[in-house]
Amino acid sequence: MNAASLNTLGVGLTTLAAGSVEVEVSAAGFAANLGALDGAADLTVRATNDSGDLRFRAADLGSLTVDDADDVTFFGAFETSGVVDVDTNIGGQVAVGSSGSVARPAGRCPPTLLT
């Protein structure tokens, strides 16, 4: 999916049914504000604008790869059965909000958060 921006906060639960999903957003500021996500999909998200920020809310996914953005912030419980890979091509900061967490469900190895 290619879009200027993407905001799924107001739609409730978004289920990603495909095996892999790629999202590319080009807006400055909050380029992607992704609400509750569910599914076994491997999600790749990139913000191509040098000042494009990505925000992730609660999720239960296969994996997440962020390979380009300015700032990346996690809010809520963000869980994956695979890795959470945040590439070194982040211009700003990678943060977990005060009400957020990045983890795998109980019984699984901890996620890999690369910055």
C-alpha atoms as a PDB file:
ATOM      1  CA  MET A   1       0.000   0.000   0.000  1.00  0.00           C
ATOM      2  CA  ASN A   2       1.320   3.455  -0.913  1.00  0.00           C
ATOM      3  CA  ALA A   3      -0.316   6.516   0.651  1.00  0.00           C
ATOM      4  CA  ALA A   4       0.507  10.036   1.758  1.00  0.00           C
ATOM      5  CA  SER A   5      -0.605   9.110   5.293  1.00  0.00           C
ATOM      6  CA  LEU A   6      -2.454   6.330   7.090  1.00  0.00           C
ATOM      7  CA  ASN A   7      -4.491   6.528  10.306  1.00  0.00           C
ATOM      8  CA  THR A   8      -6.328   3.434  11.555  1.00  0.00           C
ATOM      9  CA  LEU A   9      -7.106   4.641  15.091  1.00  0.00           C
ATOM     10  CA  GLY A  10     -10.818   5.269  14.486  1.00  0.00           C
ATOM     11  CA  VAL A  11     -11.665   1.969  12.785  1.00  0.00           C
ATOM     12  CA  GLY A  12     -11.348  -0.445  15.692  1.00  0.00           C
ATOM     13  CA  LEU A  13      -9.378  -3.636  15.115  1.00  0.00           C
ATOM     14  CA  THR A  14      -7.562  -3.900  11.767  1.00  0.00           C
ATOM     15  CA  THR A  15      -6.859  -7.507  10.761  1.00  0.00           C
ATOM     16  CA  LEU A  16      -3.949  -8.149   8.406  1.00  0.00           C
ATOM     17  CA  ALA A  17      -4.793 -11.416   6.670  1.00  0.00           C
ATOM     18  CA  ALA A  18      -2.043 -11.516   4.044  1.00  0.00           C
ATOM     19  CA  GLY A  19       1.235 -13.343   4.699  1.00  0.00           C
ATOM     20  CA  SER A  20       3.152 -10.094   4.338  1.00  0.00           C
ATOM     21  CA  VAL A  21       1.956  -6.494   4.146  1.00  0.00           C
ATOM     22  CA  GLU A  22       4.046  -3.495   3.062  1.00  0.00           C
ATOM     23  CA  VAL A  23       2.971   0.063   3.844  1.00  0.00           C
ATOM     24  CA  GLU A  24       4.812   3.082   2.437  1.00  0.00           C
ATOM     25  CA  VAL A  25       3.751   6.565   3.535  1.00  0.00           C
ATOM     26  CA  SER A  26       5.159   9.846   2.221  1.00  0.00           C
ATOM     27  CA  ALA A  27       3.737  12.615   4.443  1.00  0.00           C
ATOM     28  CA  ALA A  28       5.701  14.745   6.898  1.00  0.00           C
ATOM     29  CA  GLY A  29       4.692  14.669  10.575  1.00  0.00           C
ATOM     30  CA  PHE A  30       2.510  11.739  11.635  1.00  0.00           C
ATOM     31  CA  ALA A  31       2.764   9.762   8.407  1.00  0.00           C
ATOM     32  CA  ALA A  32       1.293   6.588   9.925  1.00  0.00           C
ATOM     33  CA  ASN A  33      -0.719   6.288  13.117  1.00  0.00           C
ATOM     34  CA  LEU A  34      -1.616   2.614  13.290  1.00  0.00           C
ATOM     35  CA  GLY A  35      -4.286   1.539  15.764  1.00  0.00           C
ATOM     36  CA  ALA A  36      -5.063  -1.945  17.019  1.00  0.00           C
ATOM     37  CA  LEU A  37      -3.617  -4.516  14.583  1.00  0.00           C
ATOM     38  CA  ASP A  38      -4.114  -8.270  14.542  1.00  0.00           C
ATOM     39  CA  GLY A  39      -3.091 -11.183  12.336  1.00  0.00           C
ATOM     40  CA  ALA A  40      -0.190 -13.480  11.627  1.00  0.00           C
ATOM     41  CA  ALA A  41       1.102 -11.145   8.899  1.00  0.00           C
ATOM     42  CA  ASP A  42       4.639  -9.854   8.682  1.00  0.00           C
ATOM     43  CA  LEU A  43       4.269  -6.068   8.465  1.00  0.00           C
ATOM     44  CA  THR A  44       6.843  -3.750   6.876  1.00  0.00           C
ATOM     45  CA  VAL A  45       6.331   0.009   7.263  1.00  0.00           C
ATOM     46  CA  ARG A  46       8.422   2.852   5.874  1.00  0.00           C
ATOM     47  CA  ALA A  47       8.020   6.633   5.937  1.00  0.00           C
ATOM     48  CA  THR A  48       9.849   8.019   2.911  1.00  0.00           C
ATOM     49  CA  ASN A  49       9.667  11.678   3.999  1.00  0.00           C
ATOM     50  CA  ASP A  50      12.725  12.692   6.065  1.00  0.00           C
ATOM     51  CA  SER A  51      10.363  14.042   8.752  1.00  0.00           C
ATOM     52  CA  GLY A  52       7.744  11.262   8.565  1.00  0.00           C
ATOM     53  CA  ASP A  53       6.910   9.749  11.957  1.00  0.00           C
ATOM     54  CA  LEU A  54       5.426   6.319  12.637  1.00  0.00           C
ATOM     55  CA  ARG A  55       3.205   5.514  15.635  1.00  0.00           C
ATOM     56  CA  PHE A  56       2.162   1.992  16.548  1.00  0.00           C
ATOM     57  CA  ARG A  57      -0.617   1.164  19.024  1.00  0.00           C
ATOM     58  CA  ALA A  58      -1.654  -2.218  20.403  1.00  0.00           C
ATOM     59  CA  ALA A  59      -0.910  -5.133  18.074  1.00  0.00           C
ATOM     60  CA  ASP A  60      -0.583  -8.898  17.866  1.00  0.00           C
ATOM     61  CA  LEU A  61       1.269  -9.664  14.602  1.00  0.00           C
ATOM     62  CA  GLY A  62       3.711 -12.095  13.045  1.00  0.00           C
ATOM     63  CA  SER A  63       6.532  -9.532  12.882  1.00  0.00           C
ATOM     64  CA  LEU A  64       7.271  -5.865  12.262  1.00  0.00           C
ATOM     65  CA  THR A  65      10.025  -4.284  10.183  1.00  0.00           C
ATOM     66  CA  VAL A  66      10.502  -0.511  10.063  1.00  0.00           C
ATOM     67  CA  ASP A  67      13.159   0.337   7.502  1.00  0.00           C
ATOM     68  CA  ASP A  68      12.793   4.126   7.156  1.00  0.00           C
ATOM     69  CA  ALA A  69      11.276   6.922   9.270  1.00  0.00           C
ATOM     70  CA  ASP A  70      12.127   9.951  11.356  1.00  0.00           C
ATOM     71  CA  ASP A  71      10.655   8.974  14.746  1.00  0.00           C
ATOM     72  CA  VAL A  72       9.140   5.601  15.687  1.00  0.00           C
ATOM     73  CA  THR A  73       6.955   5.359  18.811  1.00  0.00           C
ATOM     74  CA  PHE A  74       5.151   2.378  20.342  1.00  0.00           C
ATOM     75  CA  PHE A  75       2.030   2.880  22.504  1.00  0.00           C
ATOM     76  CA  GLY A  76      -0.029   0.109  24.084  1.00  0.00           C
ATOM     77  CA  ALA A  77       0.945  -3.561  24.093  1.00  0.00           C
ATOM     78  CA  PHE A  78       2.705  -4.305  20.796  1.00  0.00           C
ATOM     79  CA  GLU A  79       3.273  -8.061  20.527  1.00  0.00           C
ATOM     80  CA  THR A  80       4.698 -10.245  17.761  1.00  0.00           C
ATOM     81  CA  SER A  81       5.414 -13.927  17.371  1.00  0.00           C
ATOM     82  CA  GLY A  82       8.551 -12.961  15.408  1.00  0.00           C
ATOM     83  CA  VAL A  83      10.993 -10.086  15.485  1.00  0.00           C
ATOM     84  CA  VAL A  84      10.469  -6.349  15.784  1.00  0.00           C
ATOM     85  CA  ASP A  85      13.207  -4.934  13.578  1.00  0.00           C
ATOM     86  CA  VAL A  86      13.715  -1.159  13.539  1.00  0.00           C
ATOM     87  CA  ASP A  87      16.447  -0.365  11.022  1.00  0.00           C
ATOM     88  CA  THR A  88      19.324   2.047  11.583  1.00  0.00           C
ATOM     89  CA  ASN A  89      17.831   4.356   8.898  1.00  0.00           C
ATOM     90  CA  ILE A  90      15.786   6.204  11.554  1.00  0.00           C
ATOM     91  CA  GLY A  91      16.526   9.944  11.511  1.00  0.00           C
ATOM     92  CA  GLY A  92      15.144  10.750  14.963  1.00  0.00           C
ATOM     93  CA  GLN A  93      14.411   8.443  17.861  1.00  0.00           C
ATOM     94  CA  VAL A  94      12.832   5.106  18.661  1.00  0.00           C
ATOM     95  CA  ALA A  95      10.690   5.265  21.805  1.00  0.00           C
ATOM     96  CA  VAL A  96       8.215   3.247  23.832  1.00  0.00           C
ATOM     97  CA  GLY A  97       5.548   5.490  25.376  1.00  0.00           C
ATOM     98  CA  SER A  98       4.866   5.397  29.113  1.00  0.00           C
ATOM     99  CA  SER A  99       1.784   3.217  28.521  1.00  0.00           C
ATOM    100  CA  GLY A 100       3.489   1.066  25.881  1.00  0.00           C
ATOM    101  CA  SER A 101       5.424  -2.170  25.624  1.00  0.00           C
ATOM    102  CA  VAL A 102       7.084  -4.208  22.888  1.00  0.00           C
ATOM    103  CA  ALA A 103       7.067  -7.912  23.662  1.00  0.00           C
ATOM    104  CA  ARG A 104       6.262 -11.446  22.666  1.00  0.00           C
ATOM    105  CA  PRO A 105       3.452 -13.260  24.485  1.00  0.00           C
ATOM    106  CA  ALA A 106       4.394 -15.422  27.476  1.00  0.00           C
ATOM    107  CA  GLY A 107       6.400 -18.506  26.601  1.00  0.00           C
ATOM    108  CA  ARG A 108       8.107 -16.989  23.557  1.00  0.00           C
ATOM    109  CA  CYS A 109      11.617 -15.599  23.295  1.00  0.00           C
ATOM    110  CA  PRO A 110      11.953 -11.824  23.723  1.00  0.00           C
ATOM    111  CA  PRO A 111      11.681  -9.673  20.591  1.00  0.00           C
ATOM    112  CA  THR A 112      14.688  -8.248  18.797  1.00  0.00           C
ATOM    113  CA  LEU A 113      14.536  -4.460  18.754  1.00  0.00           C
ATOM    114  CA  LEU A 114      17.361  -3.172  16.563  1.00  0.00           C
ATOM    115  CA  THR A 115      18.171   0.516  16.356  1.00  0.00           C
END
